[in-house]
Amino acid sequence: MLTLVTGTTGQVGRRFVPRLLAQARPGERVRVLVRDAERGEPFAALGAEVVVGDLRDTEALGKAVAGVDAVVNVAASFRGVPDEEAWAVNRDAAVELGRAALASGVERFVQVSTGLVYGAGRGRPVTEEDESRPGGTMWGAYPESKLAAERELLGLEGLDVRVGRLPFVYGEGDPHLAQSLMWAGEWAHTQRLHMGHHVDVAQGLLRILHARGVGGRVYNIADDAPVTAVELHQLNGVEVPGELYERVDPDPWMVIMSTERIRRELGYRAVYPSVYAARDAGAL
């Protein structure tokens, strides 16, 4: 089995690939697509094959998927990028990768997506059966472009596509936890963020990749304990601004996800069920 992984130099990809390699059985290989050879060297040192090219380059995609059995598309463009780039990477390039994979005879395609596609809360944790309603200005075109990619990829006849929707990812030196204050500082004190440690994101994606008979399925990946804006300040050792207590949370259930499906169907159990468990284990 040869698995291609894209987006390997991002925060998720660079932590996922070593775990994929560590779990490889005899005969299983990993290939990574990177934009320059130097950025591929750490993966080559771990035993991965390296293909140099851009996800938006059709010729590079053909080389990347040649002989591949499975694809994990981690690549994403978000947080401050122009909407045009978000659409180009998150939807257009993802769909072209899916088409190239289909033409090359790839057996499985894991599309890494986001819980932000759900949009407004439903008064309870959202499930994979809930209608997606992305919107708002906070994340730009990121949620909409990711949802569009999901729909187009799942519609490719003959390609076994499975989707993993991620929460706010943190851990192992990832700056995301500190960056959360960019938004949490403007929230109400009770507003919550659903999180997932890199260990558990990788666990979820690996389970989705290796599971048999789950083509067309979507899975939420997250921990068990969303944290409030107050807790995010405390975890970062920052004083909680008084104005947070003067604000009202407009949507207490926004992007709070149910993980029942991945738990029941794929045996997922969070290694770090809360950010506090990760903190106490020295895994932040």
Protein backbone atom coordinates (compact mmCIF):
# COMPACT_ATOMS: atom_id res chain seq x y z
CA MET A 1 0.00 0.00 0.00
CA LEU A 2 1.33 3.41 -1.02
CA THR A 3 -0.30 6.43 0.62
CA LEU A 4 0.10 9.98 -0.66
CA VAL A 5 -0.22 12.82 1.85
CA THR A 6 -0.59 16.47 0.86
CA GLY A 7 -0.27 19.53 3.10
CA THR A 8 2.62 17.91 4.92
CA THR A 9 4.37 21.13 5.91
CA GLY A 10 1.35 22.54 7.74
CA GLN A 11 0.70 22.09 11.44
CA VAL A 12 -1.47 18.98 10.98
CA GLY A 13 0.42 17.37 8.12
CA ARG A 14 3.90 17.62 9.63
CA ARG A 15 2.67 15.75 12.72
CA PHE A 16 0.48 13.27 10.88
CA VAL A 17 3.10 11.91 8.46
CA PRO A 18 5.54 10.67 11.14
CA ARG A 19 2.69 8.80 12.82
CA LEU A 20 1.59 7.29 9.52
CA LEU A 21 5.17 6.15 8.89
CA ALA A 22 5.55 4.81 12.43
CA GLN A 23 2.50 2.58 11.99
CA ALA A 24 3.44 1.34 8.52
CA ARG A 25 3.53 -2.42 8.14
CA PRO A 26 5.97 -4.27 5.86
CA GLY A 27 5.23 -3.25 2.28
CA GLU A 28 3.40 -0.05 3.24
CA ARG A 29 4.96 3.15 1.93
CA VAL A 30 4.28 6.86 2.29
CA ARG A 31 4.71 9.57 -0.33
CA VAL A 32 4.52 13.30 0.38
CA LEU A 33 3.89 16.20 -1.98
CA VAL A 34 5.91 19.32 -1.11
CA ARG A 35 6.56 22.56 -2.94
CA ASP A 36 10.34 22.44 -2.62
CA ALA A 37 12.85 19.66 -2.00
CA GLU A 38 14.28 21.21 1.16
CA ARG A 39 10.90 21.06 2.91
CA GLY A 40 10.67 17.39 2.03
CA GLU A 41 14.00 16.44 3.61
CA PRO A 42 12.65 15.78 7.15
CA PHE A 43 10.10 13.35 5.70
CA ALA A 44 12.67 11.66 3.48
CA ALA A 45 14.83 11.13 6.56
CA LEU A 46 11.93 9.26 8.13
CA GLY A 47 11.53 7.03 5.09
CA ALA A 48 8.92 8.83 2.99
CA GLU A 49 9.09 9.23 -0.77
CA VAL A 50 9.11 12.90 -1.78
CA VAL A 51 7.48 14.41 -4.86
CA VAL A 52 8.19 18.10 -5.46
CA GLY A 53 5.37 20.15 -6.93
CA ASP A 54 2.39 22.38 -6.28
CA LEU A 55 -1.05 20.99 -5.54
CA ARG A 56 -2.42 23.38 -8.17
CA ASP A 57 -0.13 21.98 -10.88
CA THR A 58 -1.85 19.29 -12.97
CA GLU A 59 1.46 17.73 -14.06
CA ALA A 60 2.64 17.52 -10.45
CA LEU A 61 -0.63 15.86 -9.42
CA GLY A 62 -0.15 13.19 -12.04
CA LYS A 63 3.32 12.37 -10.69
CA ALA A 64 2.10 12.45 -7.10
CA VAL A 65 -0.76 9.96 -7.57
CA ALA A 66 1.05 7.56 -9.92
CA GLY A 67 0.94 4.07 -8.39
CA VAL A 68 -0.79 5.34 -5.24
CA ASP A 69 -3.37 3.24 -3.36
CA ALA A 70 -4.65 5.91 -0.96
CA VAL A 71 -4.60 9.69 -0.61
CA VAL A 72 -4.90 11.81 2.53
CA ASN A 73 -5.52 15.40 1.48
CA VAL A 74 -4.49 17.55 4.44
CA ALA A 75 -3.70 20.62 2.36
CA ALA A 76 -5.63 23.76 3.29
CA SER A 77 -5.43 27.53 2.91
CA PHE A 78 -7.04 29.69 5.56
CA ARG A 79 -6.56 32.37 8.24
CA GLY A 80 -6.07 35.63 6.46
CA VAL A 81 -5.53 34.46 2.89
CA PRO A 82 -7.55 36.10 0.09
CA ASP A 83 -10.82 34.35 -0.69
CA GLU A 84 -9.54 33.56 -4.19
CA GLU A 85 -6.65 31.56 -2.76
CA ALA A 86 -8.92 29.75 -0.31
CA TRP A 87 -11.18 28.62 -3.15
CA ALA A 88 -8.22 27.71 -5.37
CA VAL A 89 -6.58 25.46 -2.77
CA ASN A 90 -9.45 24.19 -0.65
CA ARG A 91 -11.90 23.41 -3.43
CA ASP A 92 -10.36 23.58 -6.89
CA ALA A 93 -7.05 21.85 -6.12
CA ALA A 94 -8.73 19.29 -3.86
CA VAL A 95 -11.22 18.33 -6.57
CA GLU A 96 -8.48 18.12 -9.22
CA LEU A 97 -6.51 15.88 -6.86
CA GLY A 98 -9.59 13.69 -6.50
CA ARG A 99 -10.01 13.46 -10.27
CA ALA A 100 -6.33 12.62 -10.72
CA ALA A 101 -6.63 9.97 -8.02
CA LEU A 102 -9.67 8.46 -9.72
CA ALA A 103 -7.92 8.38 -13.09
CA SER A 104 -4.88 6.71 -11.49
CA GLY A 105 -6.94 3.98 -9.82
CA VAL A 106 -6.53 5.17 -6.23
CA GLU A 107 -8.61 3.02 -3.89
CA ARG A 108 -9.22 5.42 -0.98
CA PHE A 109 -9.30 9.19 -0.64
CA VAL A 110 -9.44 10.87 2.77
CA GLN A 111 -10.50 14.50 2.58
CA VAL A 112 -9.49 16.48 5.67
CA SER A 113 -12.15 19.11 6.32
CA THR A 114 -13.34 21.27 9.20
CA GLY A 115 -16.18 21.41 11.71
CA LEU A 116 -16.64 25.02 10.63
CA VAL A 117 -18.71 23.75 7.71
CA TYR A 118 -21.61 23.27 10.15
CA GLY A 119 -21.90 26.99 10.85
CA ALA A 120 -24.67 27.93 13.26
CA GLY A 121 -25.33 25.72 16.28
CA ARG A 122 -28.34 23.45 16.65
CA GLY A 123 -28.85 23.62 20.42
CA ARG A 124 -26.85 20.39 20.82
CA PRO A 125 -23.63 18.88 19.49
CA VAL A 126 -23.84 18.74 15.71
CA THR A 127 -23.75 15.36 14.00
CA GLU A 128 -22.57 14.38 10.55
CA GLU A 129 -26.21 14.13 9.48
CA ASP A 130 -26.85 17.82 10.18
CA GLU A 131 -27.11 20.18 7.25
CA SER A 132 -24.01 22.31 6.75
CA ARG A 133 -24.59 26.05 6.98
CA PRO A 134 -21.18 27.75 6.77
CA GLY A 135 -21.12 31.51 6.87
CA GLY A 136 -19.96 34.61 8.70
CA THR A 137 -16.87 36.75 8.25
CA MET A 138 -14.57 35.28 10.90
CA TRP A 139 -12.97 32.62 8.70
CA GLY A 140 -13.48 34.11 5.25
CA ALA A 141 -14.09 31.61 2.45
CA TYR A 142 -12.44 28.74 4.33
CA PRO A 143 -15.60 26.92 5.54
CA GLU A 144 -17.51 27.42 2.30
CA SER A 145 -14.61 26.25 0.14
CA LYS A 146 -14.04 23.19 2.31
CA LEU A 147 -17.72 22.25 2.16
CA ALA A 148 -17.75 22.67 -1.61
CA ALA A 149 -14.73 20.36 -1.87
CA GLU A 150 -16.45 17.73 0.29
CA ARG A 151 -19.53 17.75 -1.90
CA GLU A 152 -17.69 17.58 -5.20
CA LEU A 153 -15.31 14.86 -4.03
CA LEU A 154 -18.12 12.74 -2.58
CA GLY A 155 -19.87 13.11 -5.93
CA LEU A 156 -16.98 11.59 -7.93
CA GLU A 157 -18.38 8.27 -9.07
CA GLY A 158 -15.96 5.40 -8.60
CA LEU A 159 -13.76 7.04 -5.95
CA ASP A 160 -13.96 5.82 -2.33
CA VAL A 161 -14.01 9.17 -0.48
CA ARG A 162 -14.22 9.51 3.29
CA VAL A 163 -14.17 12.86 5.13
CA GLY A 164 -12.71 13.83 8.51
CA ARG A 165 -13.95 17.12 9.98
CA LEU A 166 -11.45 18.60 12.41
CA PRO A 167 -11.92 20.86 15.44
CA PHE A 168 -9.50 23.57 16.58
CA VAL A 169 -6.22 21.63 16.62
CA TYR A 170 -3.47 22.17 19.19
CA GLY A 171 -0.56 20.50 20.99
CA GLU A 172 3.09 19.52 20.60
CA GLY A 173 4.30 23.09 20.25
CA ASP A 174 1.63 24.12 17.74
CA PRO A 175 1.10 27.90 18.15
CA HIS A 176 -2.68 27.53 17.70
CA LEU A 177 -3.38 27.57 21.42
CA ALA A 178 -1.72 30.96 21.83
CA GLN A 179 -3.32 32.19 18.61
CA SER A 180 -6.76 31.35 19.97
CA LEU A 181 -6.63 34.58 21.96
CA MET A 182 -6.84 36.49 18.69
CA TRP A 183 -10.52 35.53 18.69
CA ALA A 184 -11.25 34.55 22.28
CA GLY A 185 -10.33 38.05 23.41
CA GLU A 186 -13.39 39.29 21.52
CA TRP A 187 -15.78 36.61 22.75
CA ALA A 188 -18.18 36.38 25.63
CA HIS A 189 -16.74 34.65 28.69
CA THR A 190 -18.91 31.55 28.18
CA GLN A 191 -18.25 31.13 24.45
CA ARG A 192 -16.71 27.74 23.79
CA LEU A 193 -14.15 26.29 21.40
CA HIS A 194 -14.13 22.59 20.54
CA MET A 195 -10.57 21.33 20.37
CA GLY A 196 -8.56 18.26 19.48
CA HIS A 197 -4.94 17.37 20.19
CA HIS A 198 -2.66 16.45 17.28
CA VAL A 199 -2.36 12.93 18.71
CA ASP A 200 -6.11 12.47 18.42
CA VAL A 201 -6.46 14.19 15.06
CA ALA A 202 -3.87 11.76 13.69
CA GLN A 203 -5.63 8.87 15.41
CA GLY A 204 -8.94 9.82 13.84
CA LEU A 205 -7.48 10.26 10.36
CA LEU A 206 -5.64 6.94 10.56
CA ARG A 207 -8.82 5.17 11.59
CA ILE A 208 -10.71 6.77 8.71
CA LEU A 209 -7.93 5.86 6.28
CA HIS A 210 -7.67 2.20 7.25
CA ALA A 211 -11.34 1.42 7.87
CA ARG A 212 -13.02 -0.90 5.39
CA GLY A 213 -16.39 -0.19 3.86
CA VAL A 214 -16.79 3.44 4.97
CA GLY A 215 -16.64 5.11 1.56
CA GLY A 216 -18.93 8.13 1.47
CA ARG A 217 -18.94 8.53 5.25
CA VAL A 218 -18.16 11.74 7.13
CA TYR A 219 -16.64 11.69 10.62
CA ASN A 220 -16.21 14.40 13.26
CA ILE A 221 -12.91 14.29 15.15
CA ALA A 222 -12.64 16.18 18.47
CA ASP A 223 -12.02 15.82 22.19
CA ASP A 224 -14.64 15.49 24.91
CA ALA A 225 -14.47 18.89 26.60
CA PRO A 226 -14.81 22.19 24.71
CA VAL A 227 -13.26 25.10 26.61
CA THR A 228 -14.52 28.63 27.21
CA ALA A 229 -12.91 31.94 26.34
CA VAL A 230 -12.05 32.35 30.03
CA GLU A 231 -10.26 29.00 30.06
CA LEU A 232 -8.33 29.84 26.90
CA HIS A 233 -6.94 32.93 28.60
CA GLN A 234 -6.08 30.95 31.72
CA LEU A 235 -4.39 28.19 29.73
CA ASN A 236 -2.24 30.83 28.07
CA GLY A 237 -1.40 32.47 31.39
CA VAL A 238 -3.12 35.70 30.36
CA GLU A 239 -5.39 37.85 32.51
CA VAL A 240 -9.03 37.57 31.49
CA PRO A 241 -10.26 40.93 30.13
CA GLY A 242 -13.18 42.24 32.15
CA GLU A 243 -15.18 43.05 29.05
CA LEU A 244 -15.59 39.33 28.31
CA TYR A 245 -18.02 39.16 31.24
CA GLU A 246 -20.10 41.96 29.76
CA ARG A 247 -20.75 40.10 26.51
CA VAL A 248 -23.38 37.48 25.71
CA ASP A 249 -22.54 34.40 23.67
CA PRO A 250 -24.66 34.67 20.50
CA ASP A 251 -24.51 30.93 19.73
CA PRO A 252 -23.51 28.60 22.61
CA TRP A 253 -23.53 25.50 20.39
CA MET A 254 -21.60 26.80 17.38
CA VAL A 255 -19.27 24.07 16.06
CA ILE A 256 -19.65 21.90 19.16
CA MET A 257 -19.44 18.47 17.55
CA SER A 258 -20.67 15.02 18.43
CA THR A 259 -18.05 12.27 18.11
CA GLU A 260 -20.50 9.43 18.61
CA ARG A 261 -20.19 8.15 15.02
CA ILE A 262 -16.40 7.84 14.97
CA ARG A 263 -16.46 6.31 18.45
CA ARG A 264 -19.10 3.71 17.62
CA GLU A 265 -18.02 2.86 14.07
CA LEU A 266 -14.23 3.22 14.19
CA GLY A 267 -13.36 2.76 17.87
CA TYR A 268 -11.99 6.27 18.34
CA ARG A 269 -11.23 7.31 21.93
CA ALA A 270 -9.42 10.57 22.63
CA VAL A 271 -5.99 10.03 24.16
CA TYR A 272 -6.33 13.55 25.52
CA PRO A 273 -10.05 13.97 26.26
CA SER A 274 -9.44 17.57 27.34
CA VAL A 275 -6.79 20.23 26.95
CA TYR A 276 -6.19 19.86 30.68
CA ALA A 277 -5.26 16.21 30.22
CA ALA A 278 -2.78 17.26 27.54
CA ARG A 279 -1.40 20.01 29.74
CA ASP A 280 -0.90 17.68 32.69
CA ALA A 281 0.88 15.20 30.40
CA GLY A 282 3.23 17.92 29.16
CA ALA A 283 1.84 17.60 25.62
CA LEU A 284 0.94 21.21 24.90
